[in-house]
Amino acid sequence: MKQRFGRAGKFAFHCYVCNDSYVGFDKEMAIEVEVLQDDPARVVAEYSKEDLDAVKGPGVIQAMMAGEEEEESDSSDDNPEELLKKLEQAGIKAPEAEKIRAAKEKHLAKEKAESLLMK
């Protein structure tokens, strides 16, 4: 519960906490809150732009949901050849690159031989 009080003083609430799964776990209690006047010497901290942007941005769940949508639309990460090309362009040598190329060439040769036999 979020509540802003416009004035100082004592405020009384009656709180009911209900559990929909277990009988007997419900709780009922009286709560009294004392609101004090603002402290005139209070220093309000300045927040960095990065912190303010993080607060205004999507929450954890929304960010995860947005990430899943992006993953579904971007299939280039599933293609090892594309990943190897990106690594080579970045100047990174992947030890698996030669193995993948050799396996691909072997697979293409096998397909070509099978297609010749079928004719």
C-alpha atoms as a PDB file:
ATOM      1  CA  MET A   1       0.000   0.000   0.000  1.00  0.00           C
ATOM      2  CA  LYS A   2       1.363   3.401  -0.914  1.00  0.00           C
ATOM      3  CA  GLN A   3      -0.161   6.406   0.785  1.00  0.00           C
ATOM      4  CA  ARG A   4       0.915  10.018   0.965  1.00  0.00           C
ATOM      5  CA  PHE A   5      -0.254  12.008   3.945  1.00  0.00           C
ATOM      6  CA  GLY A   6      -0.841  15.710   3.497  1.00  0.00           C
ATOM      7  CA  ARG A   7      -0.443  16.556   7.154  1.00  0.00           C
ATOM      8  CA  ALA A   8       1.305  15.379  10.293  1.00  0.00           C
ATOM      9  CA  GLY A   9      -0.514  13.375  12.929  1.00  0.00           C
ATOM     10  CA  LYS A  10      -1.585   9.883  13.956  1.00  0.00           C
ATOM     11  CA  PHE A  11      -3.572   7.770  11.536  1.00  0.00           C
ATOM     12  CA  ALA A  12      -5.321   4.509  12.434  1.00  0.00           C
ATOM     13  CA  PHE A  13      -5.962   1.682   9.964  1.00  0.00           C
ATOM     14  CA  HIS A  14      -7.577  -1.685  10.254  1.00  0.00           C
ATOM     15  CA  CYS A  15      -5.716  -4.224   8.124  1.00  0.00           C
ATOM     16  CA  TYR A  16      -7.064  -7.540   6.808  1.00  0.00           C
ATOM     17  CA  VAL A  17      -4.572 -10.001   5.295  1.00  0.00           C
ATOM     18  CA  CYS A  18      -6.377 -12.877   3.620  1.00  0.00           C
ATOM     19  CA  ASN A  19      -4.808 -16.078   2.364  1.00  0.00           C
ATOM     20  CA  ASP A  20      -6.721 -17.775  -0.435  1.00  0.00           C
ATOM     21  CA  SER A  21      -4.864 -21.072  -0.062  1.00  0.00           C
ATOM     22  CA  TYR A  22      -4.907 -21.950   3.625  1.00  0.00           C
ATOM     23  CA  VAL A  23      -7.741 -21.697   6.106  1.00  0.00           C
ATOM     24  CA  GLY A  24      -6.741 -20.078   9.369  1.00  0.00           C
ATOM     25  CA  PHE A  25      -3.861 -18.036   7.958  1.00  0.00           C
ATOM     26  CA  ASP A  26      -5.955 -14.888   7.679  1.00  0.00           C
ATOM     27  CA  LYS A  27      -4.821 -12.050   9.898  1.00  0.00           C
ATOM     28  CA  GLU A  28      -6.660  -8.994  11.144  1.00  0.00           C
ATOM     29  CA  MET A  29      -4.869  -6.225  12.973  1.00  0.00           C
ATOM     30  CA  ALA A  30      -5.062  -2.566  13.866  1.00  0.00           C
ATOM     31  CA  ILE A  31      -2.205  -0.381  12.638  1.00  0.00           C
ATOM     32  CA  GLU A  32      -1.460   3.107  13.845  1.00  0.00           C
ATOM     33  CA  VAL A  33       0.969   5.318  11.934  1.00  0.00           C
ATOM     34  CA  GLU A  34       2.440   8.546  13.225  1.00  0.00           C
ATOM     35  CA  VAL A  35       3.395  10.986  10.487  1.00  0.00           C
ATOM     36  CA  LEU A  36       5.926  13.639  11.462  1.00  0.00           C
ATOM     37  CA  GLN A  37       6.488  17.065   9.929  1.00  0.00           C
ATOM     38  CA  ASP A  38       9.170  17.306   7.252  1.00  0.00           C
ATOM     39  CA  ASP A  39      12.600  17.963   8.679  1.00  0.00           C
ATOM     40  CA  PRO A  40      13.698  21.402   7.457  1.00  0.00           C
ATOM     41  CA  ALA A  41      17.353  20.280   7.610  1.00  0.00           C
ATOM     42  CA  ARG A  42      16.701  17.239   5.416  1.00  0.00           C
ATOM     43  CA  VAL A  43      19.096  16.888   2.493  1.00  0.00           C
ATOM     44  CA  VAL A  44      17.560  15.423  -0.651  1.00  0.00           C
ATOM     45  CA  ALA A  45      20.111  13.331  -2.517  1.00  0.00           C
ATOM     46  CA  GLU A  46      20.756  14.100  -6.183  1.00  0.00           C
ATOM     47  CA  TYR A  47      20.401  11.086  -8.424  1.00  0.00           C
ATOM     48  CA  SER A  48      22.531  10.486 -11.495  1.00  0.00           C
ATOM     49  CA  LYS A  49      20.911  10.489 -14.929  1.00  0.00           C
ATOM     50  CA  GLU A  50      21.662   6.767 -15.218  1.00  0.00           C
ATOM     51  CA  ASP A  51      19.765   6.019 -11.991  1.00  0.00           C
ATOM     52  CA  LEU A  52      16.785   8.130 -13.071  1.00  0.00           C
ATOM     53  CA  ASP A  53      16.691   6.397 -16.471  1.00  0.00           C
ATOM     54  CA  ALA A  54      16.795   2.991 -14.756  1.00  0.00           C
ATOM     55  CA  VAL A  55      13.811   3.906 -12.585  1.00  0.00           C
ATOM     56  CA  LYS A  56      11.855   5.187 -15.591  1.00  0.00           C
ATOM     57  CA  GLY A  57      12.782   2.167 -17.720  1.00  0.00           C
ATOM     58  CA  PRO A  58      11.035  -1.187 -17.878  1.00  0.00           C
ATOM     59  CA  GLY A  59      11.006  -3.482 -14.877  1.00  0.00           C
ATOM     60  CA  VAL A  60      12.761  -6.837 -14.755  1.00  0.00           C
ATOM     61  CA  ILE A  61       9.779  -8.780 -16.114  1.00  0.00           C
ATOM     62  CA  GLN A  62       9.121  -6.283 -18.914  1.00  0.00           C
ATOM     63  CA  ALA A  63      12.799  -6.351 -19.894  1.00  0.00           C
ATOM     64  CA  MET A  64      12.763 -10.146 -19.991  1.00  0.00           C
ATOM     65  CA  MET A  65       9.608 -10.169 -22.103  1.00  0.00           C
ATOM     66  CA  ALA A  66      11.133  -7.628 -24.508  1.00  0.00           C
ATOM     67  CA  GLY A  67      14.285  -9.750 -24.682  1.00  0.00           C
ATOM     68  CA  GLU A  68      12.273 -12.829 -25.618  1.00  0.00           C
ATOM     69  CA  GLU A  69      10.534 -10.923 -28.406  1.00  0.00           C
ATOM     70  CA  GLU A  70      13.873  -9.731 -29.780  1.00  0.00           C
ATOM     71  CA  GLU A  71      15.286 -13.252 -29.636  1.00  0.00           C
ATOM     72  CA  GLU A  72      12.386 -14.605 -31.647  1.00  0.00           C
ATOM     73  CA  SER A  73      12.864 -12.033 -34.400  1.00  0.00           C
ATOM     74  CA  ASP A  74      16.667 -12.427 -34.595  1.00  0.00           C
ATOM     75  CA  SER A  75      17.654 -15.846 -35.898  1.00  0.00           C
ATOM     76  CA  SER A  76      21.237 -14.970 -36.925  1.00  0.00           C
ATOM     77  CA  ASP A  77      22.534 -16.241 -33.569  1.00  0.00           C
ATOM     78  CA  ASP A  78      21.316 -19.733 -34.459  1.00  0.00           C
ATOM     79  CA  ASN A  79      23.535 -19.943 -37.537  1.00  0.00           C
ATOM     80  CA  PRO A  80      27.103 -20.975 -36.612  1.00  0.00           C
ATOM     81  CA  GLU A  81      28.446 -19.790 -39.957  1.00  0.00           C
ATOM     82  CA  GLU A  82      27.151 -16.278 -39.350  1.00  0.00           C
ATOM     83  CA  LEU A  83      28.669 -16.293 -35.872  1.00  0.00           C
ATOM     84  CA  LEU A  84      32.032 -17.424 -37.247  1.00  0.00           C
ATOM     85  CA  LYS A  85      31.952 -14.657 -39.871  1.00  0.00           C
ATOM     86  CA  LYS A  86      31.248 -12.096 -37.154  1.00  0.00           C
ATOM     87  CA  LEU A  87      34.132 -13.454 -35.074  1.00  0.00           C
ATOM     88  CA  GLU A  88      36.516 -13.293 -38.043  1.00  0.00           C
ATOM     89  CA  GLN A  89      35.424  -9.719 -38.800  1.00  0.00           C
ATOM     90  CA  ALA A  90      36.185  -8.841 -35.175  1.00  0.00           C
ATOM     91  CA  GLY A  91      39.633 -10.396 -35.504  1.00  0.00           C
ATOM     92  CA  ILE A  92      38.912 -13.360 -33.252  1.00  0.00           C
ATOM     93  CA  LYS A  93      39.935 -16.836 -34.346  1.00  0.00           C
ATOM     94  CA  ALA A  94      37.631 -19.591 -33.199  1.00  0.00           C
ATOM     95  CA  PRO A  95      39.235 -23.046 -32.889  1.00  0.00           C
ATOM     96  CA  GLU A  96      35.951 -24.641 -33.943  1.00  0.00           C
ATOM     97  CA  ALA A  97      35.877 -22.742 -37.260  1.00  0.00           C
ATOM     98  CA  GLU A  98      38.006 -25.262 -39.153  1.00  0.00           C
ATOM     99  CA  LYS A  99      36.076 -28.208 -37.708  1.00  0.00           C
ATOM    100  CA  ILE A 100      32.763 -26.677 -38.755  1.00  0.00           C
ATOM    101  CA  ARG A 101      34.030 -25.856 -42.257  1.00  0.00           C
ATOM    102  CA  ALA A 102      35.434 -29.381 -42.693  1.00  0.00           C
ATOM    103  CA  ALA A 103      32.173 -30.939 -41.503  1.00  0.00           C
ATOM    104  CA  LYS A 104      30.196 -28.723 -43.875  1.00  0.00           C
ATOM    105  CA  GLU A 105      32.417 -29.631 -46.831  1.00  0.00           C
ATOM    106  CA  LYS A 106      32.098 -33.329 -45.957  1.00  0.00           C
ATOM    107  CA  HIS A 107      28.319 -32.969 -45.721  1.00  0.00           C
ATOM    108  CA  LEU A 108      28.128 -31.179 -49.097  1.00  0.00           C
ATOM    109  CA  ALA A 109      30.329 -33.822 -50.722  1.00  0.00           C
ATOM    110  CA  LYS A 110      28.117 -36.560 -49.296  1.00  0.00           C
ATOM    111  CA  GLU A 111      24.967 -34.837 -50.589  1.00  0.00           C
ATOM    112  CA  LYS A 112      26.563 -34.385 -54.023  1.00  0.00           C
ATOM    113  CA  ALA A 113      27.581 -38.077 -54.153  1.00  0.00           C
ATOM    114  CA  GLU A 114      24.070 -39.134 -53.113  1.00  0.00           C
ATOM    115  CA  SER A 115      22.476 -36.929 -55.750  1.00  0.00           C
ATOM    116  CA  LEU A 116      24.786 -38.425 -58.430  1.00  0.00           C
ATOM    117  CA  LEU A 117      23.818 -41.935 -57.343  1.00  0.00           C
ATOM    118  CA  MET A 118      20.127 -41.075 -57.543  1.00  0.00           C
ATOM    119  CA  LYS A 119      20.423 -40.019 -61.193  1.00  0.00           C
END
